[in-house]
N, C-alpha and C. Protein backbone atom coordinates (compact mmCIF):
# COMPACT_ATOMS: atom_id res chain seq x y z
N UNK A 1 -181.54 -19.23 82.61
CA UNK A 1 -180.25 -19.95 81.92
C UNK A 1 -180.93 -21.57 81.67
N UNK A 2 -180.26 -22.16 80.53
CA UNK A 2 -180.68 -23.51 80.48
C UNK A 2 -179.62 -24.41 81.47
N UNK A 3 -179.98 -25.56 81.57
CA UNK A 3 -179.22 -26.40 82.54
C UNK A 3 -177.80 -26.62 81.84
N UNK A 4 -176.89 -26.49 82.86
CA UNK A 4 -175.44 -26.44 82.22
C UNK A 4 -174.87 -27.91 82.74
N UNK A 5 -174.18 -28.51 82.00
CA UNK A 5 -173.41 -29.59 82.65
C UNK A 5 -172.02 -29.07 83.00
N UNK A 6 -171.29 -30.12 83.58
CA UNK A 6 -169.88 -29.68 84.01
C UNK A 6 -169.04 -29.34 82.97
N UNK A 7 -169.15 -30.10 81.69
CA UNK A 7 -168.39 -29.74 80.63
C UNK A 7 -168.53 -28.21 80.08
N UNK A 8 -169.80 -27.90 80.10
CA UNK A 8 -170.11 -26.59 79.61
C UNK A 8 -169.53 -25.60 80.72
N UNK A 9 -169.84 -25.88 81.95
CA UNK A 9 -169.23 -25.10 82.98
C UNK A 9 -167.71 -24.95 82.94
N UNK A 10 -167.11 -25.95 82.72
CA UNK A 10 -165.64 -25.94 82.50
C UNK A 10 -165.17 -25.25 81.54
N UNK A 11 -165.72 -25.28 80.63
CA UNK A 11 -165.41 -24.47 79.25
C UNK A 11 -165.53 -22.95 79.47
N UNK A 12 -166.82 -22.57 80.18
CA UNK A 12 -167.11 -21.05 80.34
C UNK A 12 -165.94 -20.54 81.54
N UNK A 13 -165.82 -21.49 82.61
CA UNK A 13 -164.78 -21.07 83.66
C UNK A 13 -163.30 -20.86 82.91
N UNK A 14 -163.00 -21.93 82.10
CA UNK A 14 -161.65 -21.84 81.60
C UNK A 14 -161.56 -20.24 80.73
N UNK A 15 -162.69 -20.10 79.88
CA UNK A 15 -162.67 -19.04 79.27
C UNK A 15 -162.76 -17.34 80.04
N UNK A 16 -163.38 -17.77 81.11
CA UNK A 16 -163.24 -16.43 82.17
C UNK A 16 -161.85 -16.31 82.70
N UNK A 17 -161.35 -17.56 83.25
CA UNK A 17 -160.05 -17.48 83.64
C UNK A 17 -159.03 -17.11 82.82
N UNK A 18 -159.15 -17.40 81.41
CA UNK A 18 -158.14 -16.99 80.68
C UNK A 18 -157.62 -15.65 80.40
N UNK A 19 -158.80 -14.94 80.61
CA UNK A 19 -158.65 -13.53 80.42
C UNK A 19 -157.70 -12.95 81.47
N UNK A 20 -157.71 -13.64 82.52
CA UNK A 20 -156.64 -13.18 83.74
C UNK A 20 -155.47 -13.88 84.10
N UNK A 21 -154.97 -14.85 83.43
CA UNK A 21 -153.83 -15.78 83.65
C UNK A 21 -152.81 -15.20 83.26
N UNK A 22 -151.66 -15.37 83.96
CA UNK A 22 -150.37 -14.96 83.27
C UNK A 22 -149.64 -16.03 82.63
N UNK A 23 -150.07 -17.23 82.95
CA UNK A 23 -149.41 -18.43 82.25
C UNK A 23 -150.30 -19.08 81.36
N UNK A 24 -150.28 -18.63 80.17
CA UNK A 24 -151.11 -19.14 79.01
C UNK A 24 -150.86 -20.35 78.59
N UNK A 25 -149.48 -20.87 78.73
CA UNK A 25 -148.94 -22.30 78.58
C UNK A 25 -149.88 -23.32 79.51
N UNK A 26 -149.75 -22.85 80.66
CA UNK A 26 -150.50 -23.89 81.51
C UNK A 26 -152.13 -23.90 81.43
N UNK A 27 -152.61 -22.74 80.96
CA UNK A 27 -154.06 -22.56 80.54
C UNK A 27 -154.55 -23.48 79.42
N UNK A 28 -153.56 -23.53 78.65
CA UNK A 28 -153.81 -24.57 77.44
C UNK A 28 -154.04 -25.87 77.75
N UNK A 29 -153.33 -26.45 78.88
CA UNK A 29 -153.40 -28.06 79.29
C UNK A 29 -154.24 -27.71 80.60
N UNK A 30 -154.97 -26.74 81.08
CA UNK A 30 -155.80 -26.69 82.21
C UNK A 30 -156.64 -27.90 82.27
N UNK A 31 -156.69 -28.53 83.52
CA UNK A 31 -157.79 -29.56 83.94
C UNK A 31 -158.43 -28.90 85.10
N UNK A 32 -159.18 -30.06 85.61
CA UNK A 32 -159.87 -29.82 86.85
C UNK A 32 -159.01 -29.57 88.24
N UNK A 33 -157.64 -30.04 88.01
CA UNK A 33 -156.82 -30.16 89.40
C UNK A 33 -155.80 -28.91 88.98
N UNK A 34 -155.97 -28.23 87.86
CA UNK A 34 -154.97 -27.09 87.70
C UNK A 34 -155.14 -25.96 88.72
N UNK A 35 -154.38 -25.53 89.55
CA UNK A 35 -154.20 -24.71 90.69
C UNK A 35 -154.41 -23.24 89.95
N UNK A 36 -155.28 -22.25 90.53
CA UNK A 36 -155.33 -21.01 89.98
C UNK A 36 -154.11 -20.08 90.32
N UNK A 37 -153.95 -20.10 91.61
CA UNK A 37 -152.73 -19.13 91.92
C UNK A 37 -151.18 -19.77 91.63
N UNK A 38 -151.03 -21.05 91.73
CA UNK A 38 -149.74 -21.46 91.60
C UNK A 38 -149.51 -21.83 90.23
N UNK A 39 -150.45 -22.46 89.43
CA UNK A 39 -150.46 -23.07 87.97
C UNK A 39 -150.49 -21.91 87.11
N UNK A 40 -151.59 -21.12 87.13
CA UNK A 40 -152.07 -20.32 86.24
C UNK A 40 -151.38 -18.89 86.52
N UNK A 41 -150.92 -18.50 87.69
CA UNK A 41 -150.04 -17.31 88.21
C UNK A 41 -151.19 -16.30 88.15
N UNK A 42 -152.29 -16.53 88.78
CA UNK A 42 -153.40 -15.43 88.90
C UNK A 42 -153.35 -14.97 90.35
N UNK A 43 -153.15 -13.44 90.55
CA UNK A 43 -152.92 -12.87 91.52
C UNK A 43 -154.30 -12.54 92.56
N UNK A 44 -154.27 -12.14 93.60
CA UNK A 44 -155.55 -12.18 94.32
C UNK A 44 -156.38 -10.93 93.66
N UNK A 45 -155.79 -9.88 93.55
CA UNK A 45 -156.71 -8.99 92.75
C UNK A 45 -157.44 -9.59 91.44
N UNK A 46 -156.95 -10.15 90.57
CA UNK A 46 -157.31 -10.90 89.45
C UNK A 46 -158.23 -11.88 89.93
N UNK A 47 -157.99 -12.75 90.95
CA UNK A 47 -158.88 -13.76 91.43
C UNK A 47 -160.43 -13.12 91.76
N UNK A 48 -160.30 -11.84 92.41
CA UNK A 48 -161.65 -11.12 92.73
C UNK A 48 -162.26 -10.92 91.57
N UNK A 49 -161.61 -10.39 90.45
CA UNK A 49 -162.23 -10.13 89.22
C UNK A 49 -162.89 -11.39 88.62
N UNK A 50 -162.37 -12.44 88.59
CA UNK A 50 -162.76 -13.87 88.13
C UNK A 50 -164.05 -14.18 88.87
N UNK A 51 -164.02 -13.93 90.29
CA UNK A 51 -165.39 -14.25 90.97
C UNK A 51 -166.40 -13.46 90.43
N UNK A 52 -166.32 -12.12 90.46
CA UNK A 52 -167.33 -11.24 89.90
C UNK A 52 -167.69 -11.49 88.46
N UNK A 53 -166.83 -11.98 87.71
CA UNK A 53 -167.23 -12.57 86.36
C UNK A 53 -168.09 -13.75 86.37
N UNK A 54 -167.63 -14.57 87.18
CA UNK A 54 -168.37 -16.05 87.33
C UNK A 54 -169.80 -15.47 87.83
N UNK A 55 -170.05 -14.55 88.69
CA UNK A 55 -171.51 -14.14 89.37
C UNK A 55 -172.13 -13.56 87.86
N UNK A 56 -171.52 -12.78 87.30
CA UNK A 56 -172.21 -12.04 86.18
C UNK A 56 -172.60 -13.13 85.18
N UNK A 57 -171.56 -14.01 84.69
CA UNK A 57 -171.97 -14.98 83.57
C UNK A 57 -173.00 -16.09 84.13
N UNK A 58 -172.80 -16.58 85.22
CA UNK A 58 -173.67 -17.66 85.57
C UNK A 58 -174.95 -17.12 86.51
N UNK A 59 -174.95 -15.71 86.67
CA UNK A 59 -176.04 -15.21 87.22
C UNK A 59 -176.28 -15.98 88.75
N UNK A 60 -175.19 -15.91 89.47
CA UNK A 60 -175.37 -16.51 90.93
C UNK A 60 -174.56 -15.67 91.64
N UNK A 61 -174.73 -15.74 93.02
CA UNK A 61 -174.03 -15.02 94.03
C UNK A 61 -173.02 -15.96 94.79
N UNK A 62 -171.96 -15.69 94.91
CA UNK A 62 -170.72 -16.55 95.33
C UNK A 62 -170.24 -15.87 96.86
N UNK A 63 -170.71 -16.35 97.83
CA UNK A 63 -170.37 -15.89 99.15
C UNK A 63 -168.74 -15.80 99.28
N UNK A 64 -168.26 -14.81 100.22
CA UNK A 64 -166.88 -14.91 100.27
C UNK A 64 -166.26 -16.01 100.73
N UNK A 65 -166.98 -16.76 101.76
CA UNK A 65 -166.23 -18.18 102.21
C UNK A 65 -166.37 -19.06 101.10
N UNK A 66 -167.07 -19.02 100.24
CA UNK A 66 -167.28 -20.11 99.20
C UNK A 66 -165.97 -19.73 98.19
N UNK A 67 -165.94 -18.45 98.02
CA UNK A 67 -164.87 -18.03 97.03
C UNK A 67 -163.50 -18.35 97.53
N UNK A 68 -163.49 -18.29 99.03
CA UNK A 68 -162.10 -18.61 99.57
C UNK A 68 -161.76 -20.02 99.46
N UNK A 69 -162.72 -20.86 99.33
CA UNK A 69 -162.60 -22.26 99.08
C UNK A 69 -162.12 -22.80 97.65
N UNK A 70 -162.19 -21.81 96.68
CA UNK A 70 -161.67 -22.15 95.31
C UNK A 70 -160.17 -22.06 95.19
N UNK A 71 -159.53 -23.13 94.87
CA UNK A 71 -157.99 -23.13 94.81
C UNK A 71 -157.67 -23.72 93.37
N UNK A 72 -158.60 -24.49 92.81
CA UNK A 72 -158.61 -25.08 91.45
C UNK A 72 -159.44 -24.83 90.53
N UNK A 73 -159.21 -25.13 89.18
CA UNK A 73 -160.48 -25.08 88.36
C UNK A 73 -161.58 -25.77 88.55
N UNK A 74 -161.22 -27.11 89.12
CA UNK A 74 -162.37 -27.96 89.48
C UNK A 74 -163.26 -27.43 90.55
N UNK A 75 -162.47 -26.79 91.57
CA UNK A 75 -163.31 -26.11 92.68
C UNK A 75 -164.28 -25.33 92.03
N UNK A 76 -163.82 -24.47 91.21
CA UNK A 76 -164.75 -23.24 90.65
C UNK A 76 -165.88 -23.97 89.86
N UNK A 77 -165.49 -25.06 89.04
CA UNK A 77 -166.61 -25.68 88.47
C UNK A 77 -167.78 -26.33 89.12
N UNK A 78 -167.13 -26.79 90.36
CA UNK A 78 -168.00 -27.65 91.42
C UNK A 78 -168.90 -26.54 92.13
N UNK A 79 -168.19 -25.51 92.28
CA UNK A 79 -168.99 -24.53 93.08
C UNK A 79 -170.19 -23.90 92.12
N UNK A 80 -169.57 -23.44 91.00
CA UNK A 80 -170.79 -22.99 89.93
C UNK A 80 -171.89 -23.82 89.80
N UNK A 81 -171.43 -25.19 89.56
CA UNK A 81 -172.42 -26.29 89.22
C UNK A 81 -173.37 -26.47 90.52
N UNK A 82 -173.06 -26.22 91.84
CA UNK A 82 -173.74 -26.36 92.86
C UNK A 82 -174.67 -25.26 93.05
N UNK A 83 -174.40 -23.82 92.75
CA UNK A 83 -175.13 -22.56 92.73
C UNK A 83 -176.17 -22.64 91.72
N UNK A 84 -175.83 -23.45 90.70
CA UNK A 84 -176.79 -23.15 89.43
C UNK A 84 -177.92 -24.20 89.73
N UNK A 85 -177.94 -25.38 90.67
CA UNK A 85 -178.79 -26.34 90.59
C UNK A 85 -179.67 -26.31 91.95
């Protein structure tokens, strides 16, 4: 995979999350501070699907303890960026 910057990762992360969010209005204005569970109303089962999709899309392995640390869009972008480099 070619080098990805945070803007590209953010775009990909939002695309993946968008398929699983109940609050499409909040998704439209999502930022790095947007909370996945509270703001986007993503439940824990969907969260697991999102993690699996991140792993497939970015070709990374996300350990459970790292996945548990994701609460915002920014957390996801930062973690994916770290795992890609």
